[in-house]
Amino acid sequence: MFLPGASGNRELWRRVGEGLSHPGPRVYWGWPGFGGLPNDPSVTGLTDLVERVVKAISGPTVLFAQSMGGVIALRTALSVPHHVRALVLSVTSGGIDVASLGAVDWRPQMAAEDPTLPSWFLDARDDLSAELPGLQIPTLLLWGDADPISPPAVGRRLAALLPRSELIIVPGGEHFLAHERAEEVLPPIERHLRGI
């Protein structure tokens, strides 16, 4: 399952998904009210999105997540660790105190560019720091060293919290690393999936 960030861009992971040799089906998620999808009044917070992802998991699953989608992936993995075989998190921008690690707050600009966006995503400030050390799921962390929204310090902090994680930092990589540098991130993803 491929989870977007706050942009809701369902195409962001497409190049990675199509490039993978793994034969499993690919599911590309979008979020109600983001990326051109209609609003859904029944979705009022990240918990509702986590519940939707959890309900869609019917067997062993690998979760790929971009930026704020990483919070949803981590919360899903904490909810159903027996179903999540592996995580691939790209430039996660939440779930820990990213501001203290030098991250630029993307929310004001995004809200100004599109005032119709649901505020619940923009207001989310989950702190999973206490729970992450207990997550025993193999996790690949993909970061770029030129991303102000989620700088490498965020990846290093997650690597320190997640006991079975590997951090890859791509020189010159920016916030849409998984899409823009798909050819570079595919080999470590393939290696990660072979190890599970």
N, C-alpha and C. Protein backbone atom coordinates (compact mmCIF):
# COMPACT_ATOMS: atom_id res chain seq x y z
N MET A 1 0.85 -1.18 0.00
CA MET A 1 0.00 0.00 0.00
C MET A 1 0.88 1.23 0.00
N PHE A 2 0.54 2.18 -0.85
CA PHE A 2 1.31 3.39 -1.03
C PHE A 2 0.51 4.58 -0.52
N LEU A 3 1.01 5.24 0.52
CA LEU A 3 0.30 6.33 1.17
C LEU A 3 0.96 7.66 0.82
N PRO A 4 0.16 8.63 0.35
CA PRO A 4 0.72 9.94 0.03
C PRO A 4 0.89 10.79 1.28
N GLY A 5 1.46 11.96 1.09
CA GLY A 5 1.53 12.94 2.16
C GLY A 5 0.33 13.85 2.11
N ALA A 6 0.49 15.06 2.66
CA ALA A 6 -0.63 16.00 2.73
C ALA A 6 -1.06 16.49 1.35
N SER A 7 -0.21 16.36 0.35
CA SER A 7 -0.63 16.76 -1.00
C SER A 7 -1.71 15.82 -1.55
N GLY A 8 -1.76 14.60 -1.00
CA GLY A 8 -2.72 13.61 -1.48
C GLY A 8 -2.39 13.07 -2.85
N ASN A 9 -1.18 13.30 -3.32
CA ASN A 9 -0.78 12.91 -4.67
C ASN A 9 -0.65 11.39 -4.78
N ARG A 10 -1.64 10.76 -5.39
CA ARG A 10 -1.64 9.30 -5.54
C ARG A 10 -0.62 8.82 -6.56
N GLU A 11 -0.07 9.73 -7.36
CA GLU A 11 0.92 9.36 -8.36
C GLU A 11 2.35 9.38 -7.82
N LEU A 12 2.55 9.95 -6.65
CA LEU A 12 3.90 10.15 -6.12
C LEU A 12 4.69 8.84 -6.07
N TRP A 13 4.06 7.77 -5.66
CA TRP A 13 4.74 6.47 -5.52
C TRP A 13 4.66 5.61 -6.78
N ARG A 14 3.97 6.08 -7.81
CA ARG A 14 3.69 5.24 -8.98
C ARG A 14 4.97 4.70 -9.63
N ARG A 15 5.97 5.53 -9.83
CA ARG A 15 7.20 5.08 -10.49
C ARG A 15 7.90 4.00 -9.65
N VAL A 16 7.91 4.18 -8.34
CA VAL A 16 8.50 3.16 -7.47
C VAL A 16 7.67 1.88 -7.56
N GLY A 17 6.36 2.01 -7.43
CA GLY A 17 5.49 0.84 -7.46
C GLY A 17 5.62 0.04 -8.74
N GLU A 18 5.68 0.75 -9.87
CA GLU A 18 5.80 0.06 -11.16
C GLU A 18 7.19 -0.52 -11.38
N GLY A 19 8.18 0.03 -10.69
CA GLY A 19 9.54 -0.46 -10.86
C GLY A 19 9.89 -1.64 -9.97
N LEU A 20 9.06 -1.95 -9.00
CA LEU A 20 9.34 -3.04 -8.07
C LEU A 20 9.17 -4.40 -8.74
N SER A 21 10.03 -5.34 -8.40
CA SER A 21 9.91 -6.68 -8.95
C SER A 21 8.91 -7.53 -8.15
N HIS A 22 8.57 -7.11 -6.96
CA HIS A 22 7.64 -7.88 -6.13
C HIS A 22 6.32 -8.06 -6.86
N PRO A 23 5.77 -9.29 -6.87
CA PRO A 23 4.56 -9.55 -7.65
C PRO A 23 3.26 -9.10 -7.00
N GLY A 24 3.30 -8.67 -5.76
CA GLY A 24 2.06 -8.33 -5.04
C GLY A 24 1.30 -7.17 -5.68
N PRO A 25 -0.01 -7.11 -5.42
CA PRO A 25 -0.81 -6.00 -5.95
C PRO A 25 -0.40 -4.67 -5.30
N ARG A 26 -0.58 -3.60 -6.04
CA ARG A 26 -0.27 -2.25 -5.54
C ARG A 26 -1.57 -1.50 -5.32
N VAL A 27 -1.66 -0.83 -4.18
CA VAL A 27 -2.82 0.01 -3.87
C VAL A 27 -2.28 1.41 -3.58
N TYR A 28 -2.73 2.39 -4.37
CA TYR A 28 -2.29 3.77 -4.22
C TYR A 28 -3.41 4.58 -3.55
N TRP A 29 -3.14 5.02 -2.35
CA TRP A 29 -4.14 5.73 -1.56
C TRP A 29 -4.18 7.21 -1.87
N GLY A 30 -5.33 7.81 -1.59
CA GLY A 30 -5.50 9.25 -1.56
C GLY A 30 -6.27 9.60 -0.30
N TRP A 31 -6.27 10.86 0.07
CA TRP A 31 -6.97 11.28 1.28
C TRP A 31 -8.15 12.17 0.92
N PRO A 32 -9.31 11.96 1.54
CA PRO A 32 -10.47 12.81 1.26
C PRO A 32 -10.16 14.29 1.50
N GLY A 33 -10.48 15.12 0.51
CA GLY A 33 -10.26 16.55 0.63
C GLY A 33 -8.89 16.99 0.14
N PHE A 34 -8.05 16.05 -0.29
CA PHE A 34 -6.70 16.38 -0.75
C PHE A 34 -6.48 15.79 -2.14
N GLY A 35 -5.63 16.44 -2.91
CA GLY A 35 -5.25 15.91 -4.22
C GLY A 35 -6.41 15.73 -5.18
N GLY A 36 -7.43 16.59 -5.05
CA GLY A 36 -8.57 16.51 -5.96
C GLY A 36 -9.66 15.55 -5.54
N LEU A 37 -9.47 14.81 -4.45
CA LEU A 37 -10.53 13.93 -3.97
C LEU A 37 -11.56 14.74 -3.20
N PRO A 38 -12.84 14.35 -3.29
CA PRO A 38 -13.86 15.11 -2.56
C PRO A 38 -13.70 14.94 -1.05
N ASN A 39 -14.14 15.96 -0.33
CA ASN A 39 -14.16 15.90 1.12
C ASN A 39 -15.09 14.79 1.59
N ASP A 40 -14.82 14.22 2.73
CA ASP A 40 -15.70 13.23 3.34
C ASP A 40 -15.95 13.68 4.77
N PRO A 41 -17.18 14.10 5.09
CA PRO A 41 -17.45 14.62 6.43
C PRO A 41 -17.23 13.60 7.54
N SER A 42 -17.17 12.31 7.19
CA SER A 42 -16.95 11.29 8.23
C SER A 42 -15.48 11.22 8.64
N VAL A 43 -14.60 11.86 7.87
CA VAL A 43 -13.18 11.89 8.21
C VAL A 43 -12.88 13.21 8.91
N THR A 44 -12.54 13.11 10.19
CA THR A 44 -12.31 14.32 10.98
C THR A 44 -10.91 14.35 11.61
N GLY A 45 -10.08 13.38 11.28
CA GLY A 45 -8.74 13.37 11.84
C GLY A 45 -7.93 12.20 11.31
N LEU A 46 -6.65 12.17 11.69
CA LEU A 46 -5.76 11.10 11.25
C LEU A 46 -6.24 9.73 11.72
N THR A 47 -6.89 9.68 12.87
CA THR A 47 -7.39 8.40 13.38
C THR A 47 -8.35 7.76 12.39
N ASP A 48 -9.18 8.58 11.74
CA ASP A 48 -10.12 8.04 10.74
C ASP A 48 -9.38 7.47 9.54
N LEU A 49 -8.29 8.12 9.13
CA LEU A 49 -7.51 7.60 8.01
C LEU A 49 -6.80 6.31 8.40
N VAL A 50 -6.25 6.27 9.61
CA VAL A 50 -5.60 5.05 10.10
C VAL A 50 -6.61 3.91 10.11
N GLU A 51 -7.81 4.16 10.60
CA GLU A 51 -8.84 3.11 10.64
C GLU A 51 -9.16 2.61 9.24
N ARG A 52 -9.21 3.49 8.25
CA ARG A 52 -9.49 3.07 6.87
C ARG A 52 -8.37 2.18 6.33
N VAL A 53 -7.13 2.57 6.60
CA VAL A 53 -5.99 1.77 6.12
C VAL A 53 -6.00 0.41 6.82
N VAL A 54 -6.21 0.41 8.12
CA VAL A 54 -6.24 -0.85 8.88
C VAL A 54 -7.32 -1.78 8.33
N LYS A 55 -8.50 -1.24 8.06
CA LYS A 55 -9.61 -2.06 7.54
C LYS A 55 -9.30 -2.64 6.17
N ALA A 56 -8.48 -1.94 5.40
CA ALA A 56 -8.15 -2.41 4.04
C ALA A 56 -7.08 -3.49 4.03
N ILE A 57 -6.41 -3.70 5.16
CA ILE A 57 -5.36 -4.71 5.23
C ILE A 57 -5.97 -6.06 5.55
N SER A 58 -5.82 -6.99 4.62
CA SER A 58 -6.42 -8.32 4.82
C SER A 58 -5.37 -9.42 4.93
N GLY A 59 -4.12 -9.07 4.79
CA GLY A 59 -3.04 -10.05 4.88
C GLY A 59 -1.72 -9.32 4.99
N PRO A 60 -0.61 -10.04 4.83
CA PRO A 60 0.70 -9.40 4.94
C PRO A 60 0.84 -8.24 3.96
N THR A 61 1.27 -7.10 4.49
CA THR A 61 1.29 -5.86 3.71
C THR A 61 2.58 -5.09 3.97
N VAL A 62 3.09 -4.46 2.93
CA VAL A 62 4.18 -3.50 3.06
C VAL A 62 3.57 -2.12 2.88
N LEU A 63 3.85 -1.23 3.82
CA LEU A 63 3.35 0.13 3.74
C LEU A 63 4.48 1.06 3.27
N PHE A 64 4.22 1.79 2.20
CA PHE A 64 5.10 2.83 1.70
C PHE A 64 4.42 4.15 2.06
N ALA A 65 5.17 5.11 2.58
CA ALA A 65 4.52 6.36 2.97
C ALA A 65 5.41 7.56 2.72
N GLN A 66 4.79 8.64 2.27
CA GLN A 66 5.45 9.91 1.97
C GLN A 66 5.08 10.93 3.04
N SER A 67 6.06 11.63 3.58
CA SER A 67 5.87 12.80 4.43
C SER A 67 4.87 12.53 5.56
N MET A 68 3.77 13.30 5.62
CA MET A 68 2.79 13.09 6.69
C MET A 68 2.10 11.73 6.59
N GLY A 69 2.13 11.11 5.42
CA GLY A 69 1.61 9.75 5.31
C GLY A 69 2.39 8.78 6.19
N GLY A 70 3.64 9.15 6.53
CA GLY A 70 4.44 8.32 7.41
C GLY A 70 3.83 8.19 8.79
N VAL A 71 3.16 9.23 9.26
CA VAL A 71 2.49 9.16 10.56
C VAL A 71 1.36 8.12 10.49
N ILE A 72 0.62 8.13 9.39
CA ILE A 72 -0.48 7.16 9.22
C ILE A 72 0.09 5.76 9.13
N ALA A 73 1.19 5.59 8.40
CA ALA A 73 1.82 4.27 8.28
C ALA A 73 2.31 3.77 9.64
N LEU A 74 2.96 4.64 10.40
CA LEU A 74 3.46 4.23 11.71
C LEU A 74 2.32 3.89 12.66
N ARG A 75 1.28 4.69 12.65
CA ARG A 75 0.13 4.39 13.52
C ARG A 75 -0.56 3.09 13.10
N THR A 76 -0.62 2.85 11.79
CA THR A 76 -1.19 1.59 11.30
C THR A 76 -0.33 0.42 11.76
N ALA A 77 0.98 0.54 11.62
CA ALA A 77 1.89 -0.53 12.04
C ALA A 77 1.79 -0.79 13.54
N LEU A 78 1.63 0.26 14.31
CA LEU A 78 1.46 0.08 15.76
C LEU A 78 0.14 -0.60 16.09
N SER A 79 -0.88 -0.37 15.24
CA SER A 79 -2.22 -0.97 15.47
C SER A 79 -2.27 -2.44 15.07
N VAL A 80 -1.65 -2.78 13.94
CA VAL A 80 -1.71 -4.16 13.42
C VAL A 80 -0.32 -4.64 13.03
N PRO A 81 0.61 -4.72 13.99
CA PRO A 81 1.99 -5.10 13.63
C PRO A 81 2.09 -6.49 13.03
N HIS A 82 1.14 -7.37 13.33
CA HIS A 82 1.16 -8.74 12.80
C HIS A 82 0.84 -8.78 11.30
N HIS A 83 0.27 -7.71 10.75
CA HIS A 83 -0.06 -7.67 9.32
C HIS A 83 0.94 -6.86 8.51
N VAL A 84 1.66 -5.95 9.15
CA VAL A 84 2.59 -5.09 8.41
C VAL A 84 3.95 -5.77 8.38
N ARG A 85 4.32 -6.25 7.20
CA ARG A 85 5.59 -6.98 7.04
C ARG A 85 6.79 -6.06 7.03
N ALA A 86 6.62 -4.86 6.47
CA ALA A 86 7.73 -3.91 6.37
C ALA A 86 7.17 -2.52 6.13
N LEU A 87 8.01 -1.53 6.44
CA LEU A 87 7.68 -0.13 6.21
C LEU A 87 8.76 0.48 5.32
N VAL A 88 8.34 1.35 4.41
CA VAL A 88 9.26 2.19 3.64
C VAL A 88 8.76 3.62 3.83
N LEU A 89 9.49 4.40 4.61
CA LEU A 89 9.07 5.76 4.92
C LEU A 89 9.98 6.75 4.22
N SER A 90 9.39 7.63 3.43
CA SER A 90 10.15 8.64 2.71
C SER A 90 9.86 10.01 3.32
N VAL A 91 10.88 10.67 3.80
CA VAL A 91 10.85 12.02 4.34
C VAL A 91 9.67 12.27 5.27
N THR A 92 9.44 11.36 6.20
CA THR A 92 8.34 11.51 7.16
C THR A 92 8.47 12.86 7.86
N SER A 93 7.34 13.58 7.92
CA SER A 93 7.38 14.93 8.48
C SER A 93 6.49 15.08 9.70
N GLY A 94 6.31 14.01 10.43
CA GLY A 94 5.50 14.06 11.64
C GLY A 94 5.72 12.80 12.45
N GLY A 95 5.01 12.72 13.56
CA GLY A 95 5.13 11.56 14.44
C GLY A 95 6.17 11.75 15.53
N ILE A 96 7.04 12.73 15.33
CA ILE A 96 8.01 13.15 16.33
C ILE A 96 8.10 14.67 16.25
N ASP A 97 8.82 15.29 17.16
CA ASP A 97 8.96 16.74 17.16
C ASP A 97 9.96 17.15 16.08
N VAL A 98 9.46 17.36 14.87
CA VAL A 98 10.34 17.67 13.74
C VAL A 98 10.86 19.10 13.80
N ALA A 99 10.11 20.01 14.44
CA ALA A 99 10.56 21.40 14.54
C ALA A 99 11.87 21.49 15.31
N SER A 100 12.01 20.69 16.37
CA SER A 100 13.24 20.72 17.17
C SER A 100 14.43 20.17 16.40
N LEU A 101 14.15 19.50 15.26
CA LEU A 101 15.21 18.91 14.44
C LEU A 101 15.49 19.75 13.19
N GLY A 102 14.97 20.97 13.19
CA GLY A 102 15.28 21.91 12.11
C GLY A 102 14.32 21.90 10.94
N ALA A 103 13.18 21.22 11.06
CA ALA A 103 12.23 21.16 9.95
C ALA A 103 11.49 22.48 9.79
N VAL A 104 11.30 22.88 8.54
CA VAL A 104 10.49 24.05 8.22
C VAL A 104 9.02 23.64 8.27
N ASP A 105 8.18 24.47 8.89
CA ASP A 105 6.74 24.15 8.98
C ASP A 105 6.07 24.45 7.64
N TRP A 106 5.60 23.41 6.96
CA TRP A 106 5.00 23.50 5.64
C TRP A 106 3.52 23.89 5.70
N ARG A 107 2.92 23.78 6.88
CA ARG A 107 1.47 23.92 6.99
C ARG A 107 0.94 25.31 6.62
N PRO A 108 1.55 26.41 7.11
CA PRO A 108 0.99 27.73 6.77
C PRO A 108 0.94 27.99 5.26
N GLN A 109 2.00 27.62 4.55
CA GLN A 109 2.02 27.85 3.11
C GLN A 109 0.96 27.00 2.41
N MET A 110 0.84 25.74 2.82
CA MET A 110 -0.13 24.86 2.19
C MET A 110 -1.55 25.37 2.43
N ALA A 111 -1.84 25.83 3.65
CA ALA A 111 -3.17 26.37 3.98
C ALA A 111 -3.45 27.64 3.18
N ALA A 112 -2.42 28.47 3.00
CA ALA A 112 -2.60 29.71 2.23
C ALA A 112 -2.85 29.41 0.75
N GLU A 113 -2.18 28.37 0.22
CA GLU A 113 -2.35 28.02 -1.19
C GLU A 113 -3.70 27.39 -1.47
N ASP A 114 -4.26 26.69 -0.49
CA ASP A 114 -5.56 26.05 -0.67
C ASP A 114 -6.35 26.12 0.63
N PRO A 115 -7.11 27.22 0.83
CA PRO A 115 -7.86 27.37 2.08
C PRO A 115 -9.01 26.37 2.25
N THR A 116 -9.30 25.56 1.22
CA THR A 116 -10.37 24.56 1.34
C THR A 116 -9.89 23.26 1.96
N LEU A 117 -8.57 23.12 2.18
CA LEU A 117 -8.05 21.87 2.75
C LEU A 117 -8.60 21.65 4.15
N PRO A 118 -8.93 20.40 4.48
CA PRO A 118 -9.40 20.11 5.83
C PRO A 118 -8.32 20.44 6.86
N SER A 119 -8.69 21.13 7.91
CA SER A 119 -7.71 21.59 8.90
C SER A 119 -7.16 20.45 9.74
N TRP A 120 -7.89 19.32 9.83
CA TRP A 120 -7.45 18.25 10.72
C TRP A 120 -6.09 17.68 10.32
N PHE A 121 -5.77 17.67 9.04
CA PHE A 121 -4.46 17.17 8.61
C PHE A 121 -3.38 18.20 8.95
N LEU A 122 -3.71 19.46 8.72
CA LEU A 122 -2.75 20.52 8.95
C LEU A 122 -2.48 20.71 10.45
N ASP A 123 -3.46 20.38 11.28
CA ASP A 123 -3.32 20.58 12.73
C ASP A 123 -2.70 19.39 13.45
N ALA A 124 -2.52 18.26 12.78
CA ALA A 124 -2.05 17.03 13.44
C ALA A 124 -0.64 17.22 14.00
N ARG A 125 -0.45 16.83 15.25
CA ARG A 125 0.86 16.93 15.91
C ARG A 125 1.12 15.67 16.72
N ASP A 126 0.94 14.50 16.12
CA ASP A 126 1.15 13.24 16.82
C ASP A 126 2.60 13.12 17.30
N ASP A 127 2.78 12.61 18.51
CA ASP A 127 4.12 12.30 19.00
C ASP A 127 4.15 10.82 19.37
N LEU A 128 4.79 10.04 18.53
CA LEU A 128 4.85 8.59 18.72
C LEU A 128 6.18 8.14 19.32
N SER A 129 6.97 9.07 19.80
CA SER A 129 8.33 8.77 20.27
C SER A 129 8.38 7.65 21.29
N ALA A 130 7.43 7.62 22.20
CA ALA A 130 7.46 6.60 23.26
C ALA A 130 7.09 5.22 22.74
N GLU A 131 6.31 5.16 21.66
CA GLU A 131 5.83 3.88 21.14
C GLU A 131 6.76 3.25 20.11
N LEU A 132 7.50 4.07 19.38
CA LEU A 132 8.28 3.56 18.26
C LEU A 132 9.37 2.55 18.64
N PRO A 133 10.04 2.67 19.80
CA PRO A 133 11.06 1.66 20.12
C PRO A 133 10.52 0.24 20.25
N GLY A 134 9.23 0.09 20.45
CA GLY A 134 8.63 -1.24 20.53
C GLY A 134 8.20 -1.81 19.20
N LEU A 135 8.35 -1.03 18.13
CA LEU A 135 7.91 -1.47 16.80
C LEU A 135 9.03 -2.29 16.16
N GLN A 136 8.81 -3.59 16.04
CA GLN A 136 9.85 -4.51 15.55
C GLN A 136 9.70 -4.84 14.07
N ILE A 137 9.18 -3.90 13.30
CA ILE A 137 8.95 -4.11 11.87
C ILE A 137 10.14 -3.56 11.09
N PRO A 138 10.70 -4.33 10.15
CA PRO A 138 11.80 -3.80 9.32
C PRO A 138 11.37 -2.53 8.61
N THR A 139 12.15 -1.48 8.78
CA THR A 139 11.77 -0.16 8.26
C THR A 139 12.93 0.45 7.48
N LEU A 140 12.64 0.84 6.25
CA LEU A 140 13.62 1.55 5.43
C LEU A 140 13.23 3.02 5.45
N LEU A 141 14.18 3.88 5.82
CA LEU A 141 13.97 5.32 5.90
C LEU A 141 14.71 5.98 4.74
N LEU A 142 13.98 6.68 3.89
CA LEU A 142 14.55 7.34 2.72
C LEU A 142 14.51 8.84 2.92
N TRP A 143 15.67 9.46 2.88
CA TRP A 143 15.76 10.91 3.10
C TRP A 143 16.64 11.54 2.04
N GLY A 144 16.41 12.82 1.79
CA GLY A 144 17.29 13.61 0.96
C GLY A 144 17.99 14.63 1.83
N ASP A 145 19.18 15.03 1.45
CA ASP A 145 19.90 16.00 2.29
C ASP A 145 19.59 17.45 1.91
N ALA A 146 18.64 17.65 0.98
CA ALA A 146 18.26 19.01 0.58
C ALA A 146 16.77 19.25 0.80
N ASP A 147 16.21 18.64 1.83
CA ASP A 147 14.78 18.75 2.11
C ASP A 147 14.57 19.58 3.38
N PRO A 148 14.09 20.82 3.26
CA PRO A 148 13.88 21.63 4.46
C PRO A 148 12.66 21.19 5.27
N ILE A 149 11.70 20.51 4.64
CA ILE A 149 10.48 20.09 5.34
C ILE A 149 10.77 18.93 6.28
N SER A 150 11.62 18.02 5.85
CA SER A 150 12.02 16.90 6.69
C SER A 150 13.52 16.66 6.48
N PRO A 151 14.34 17.42 7.19
CA PRO A 151 15.79 17.31 7.01
C PRO A 151 16.33 15.98 7.52
N PRO A 152 17.56 15.64 7.16
CA PRO A 152 18.15 14.36 7.58
C PRO A 152 18.11 14.12 9.09
N ALA A 153 18.12 15.18 9.89
CA ALA A 153 18.05 15.00 11.35
C ALA A 153 16.78 14.27 11.75
N VAL A 154 15.69 14.47 11.01
CA VAL A 154 14.44 13.76 11.31
C VAL A 154 14.62 12.27 11.02
N GLY A 155 15.23 11.95 9.89
CA GLY A 155 15.50 10.56 9.55
C GLY A 155 16.40 9.90 10.58
N ARG A 156 17.44 10.62 11.02
CA ARG A 156 18.35 10.06 12.03
C ARG A 156 17.63 9.81 13.35
N ARG A 157 16.72 10.72 13.72
CA ARG A 157 15.96 10.52 14.96
C ARG A 157 15.06 9.30 14.85
N LEU A 158 14.38 9.14 13.73
CA LEU A 158 13.53 7.96 13.54
C LEU A 158 14.38 6.69 13.53
N ALA A 159 15.54 6.74 12.91
CA ALA A 159 16.43 5.57 12.89
C ALA A 159 16.85 5.19 14.31
N ALA A 160 17.04 6.18 15.16
CA ALA A 160 17.42 5.90 16.55
C ALA A 160 16.25 5.31 17.34
N LEU A 161 15.03 5.69 16.98
CA LEU A 161 13.85 5.21 17.71
C LEU A 161 13.37 3.84 17.23
N LEU A 162 13.53 3.56 15.94
CA LEU A 162 13.01 2.31 15.37
C LEU A 162 14.11 1.26 15.38
N PRO A 163 13.95 0.18 16.15
CA PRO A 163 15.05 -0.76 16.35
C PRO A 163 15.48 -1.55 15.12
N ARG A 164 14.60 -1.71 14.12
CA ARG A 164 14.94 -2.50 12.94
C ARG A 164 14.90 -1.62 11.69
N SER A 165 15.60 -0.49 11.77
CA SER A 165 15.53 0.46 10.66
C SER A 165 16.89 0.67 10.00
N GLU A 166 16.83 1.09 8.76
CA GLU A 166 18.01 1.48 7.99
C GLU A 166 17.71 2.83 7.36
N LEU A 167 18.62 3.77 7.49
CA LEU A 167 18.46 5.10 6.92
C LEU A 167 19.34 5.26 5.69
N ILE A 168 18.72 5.68 4.59
CA ILE A 168 19.42 6.00 3.35
C ILE A 168 19.23 7.50 3.10
N ILE A 169 20.34 8.23 2.96
CA ILE A 169 20.27 9.65 2.66
C ILE A 169 20.79 9.86 1.24
N VAL A 170 19.94 10.42 0.39
CA VAL A 170 20.27 10.64 -1.02
C VAL A 170 20.81 12.06 -1.19
N PRO A 171 22.05 12.21 -1.63
CA PRO A 171 22.61 13.55 -1.84
C PRO A 171 21.77 14.35 -2.83
N GLY A 172 21.43 15.57 -2.43
CA GLY A 172 20.63 16.44 -3.30
C GLY A 172 19.16 16.11 -3.32
N GLY A 173 18.74 15.08 -2.58
CA GLY A 173 17.33 14.68 -2.57
C GLY A 173 16.46 15.71 -1.88
N GLU A 174 15.31 15.98 -2.46
CA GLU A 174 14.36 16.95 -1.90
C GLU A 174 13.11 16.24 -1.40
N HIS A 175 12.05 17.01 -1.15
CA HIS A 175 10.89 16.45 -0.44
C HIS A 175 10.12 15.42 -1.25
N PHE A 176 10.16 15.48 -2.56
CA PHE A 176 9.45 14.49 -3.37
C PHE A 176 10.42 13.46 -3.92
N LEU A 177 11.34 13.10 -3.06
CA LEU A 177 12.42 12.15 -3.34
C LEU A 177 11.92 10.86 -3.99
N ALA A 178 10.87 10.26 -3.45
CA ALA A 178 10.40 8.96 -3.95
C ALA A 178 9.96 9.03 -5.41
N HIS A 179 9.48 10.19 -5.83
CA HIS A 179 9.06 10.35 -7.22
C HIS A 179 10.22 10.84 -8.08
N GLU A 180 10.89 11.88 -7.62
CA GLU A 180 11.93 12.51 -8.43
C GLU A 180 13.18 11.66 -8.58
N ARG A 181 13.45 10.81 -7.60
CA ARG A 181 14.68 10.01 -7.63
C ARG A 181 14.34 8.51 -7.51
N ALA A 182 13.23 8.12 -8.15
CA ALA A 182 12.75 6.74 -8.04
C ALA A 182 13.83 5.72 -8.42
N GLU A 183 14.60 6.01 -9.47
CA GLU A 183 15.62 5.05 -9.93
C GLU A 183 16.69 4.83 -8.87
N GLU A 184 16.96 5.85 -8.07
CA GLU A 184 17.98 5.73 -7.03
C GLU A 184 17.47 5.03 -5.77
N VAL A 185 16.19 5.21 -5.48
CA VAL A 185 15.67 4.60 -4.25
C VAL A 185 15.17 3.17 -4.48
N LEU A 186 14.94 2.80 -5.73
CA LEU A 186 14.46 1.44 -6.00
C LEU A 186 15.43 0.34 -5.55
N PRO A 187 16.74 0.42 -5.81
CA PRO A 187 17.62 -0.66 -5.36
C PRO A 187 17.60 -0.90 -3.85
N PRO A 188 17.69 0.15 -3.00
CA PRO A 188 17.60 -0.15 -1.57
C PRO A 188 16.23 -0.66 -1.15
N ILE A 189 15.17 -0.23 -1.85
CA ILE A 189 13.83 -0.76 -1.53
C ILE A 189 13.77 -2.24 -1.88
N GLU A 190 14.27 -2.61 -3.06
CA GLU A 190 14.29 -4.03 -3.45
C GLU A 190 15.06 -4.87 -2.43
N ARG A 191 16.21 -4.37 -2.01
CA ARG A 191 17.03 -5.09 -1.02
C ARG A 191 16.27 -5.22 0.30
N HIS A 192 15.59 -4.16 0.69
CA HIS A 192 14.80 -4.16 1.93
C HIS A 192 13.70 -5.22 1.86
N LEU A 193 13.01 -5.28 0.74
CA LEU A 193 11.89 -6.23 0.60
C LEU A 193 12.38 -7.67 0.53
N ARG A 194 13.57 -7.88 -0.04
CA ARG A 194 14.11 -9.24 -0.08
C ARG A 194 14.46 -9.74 1.32
N GLY A 195 14.72 -8.82 2.23
CA GLY A 195 15.12 -9.21 3.58
C GLY A 195 13.99 -9.54 4.52
N ILE A 196 12.74 -9.40 4.06
CA ILE A 196 11.62 -9.65 4.99
C ILE A 196 11.06 -11.06 4.82
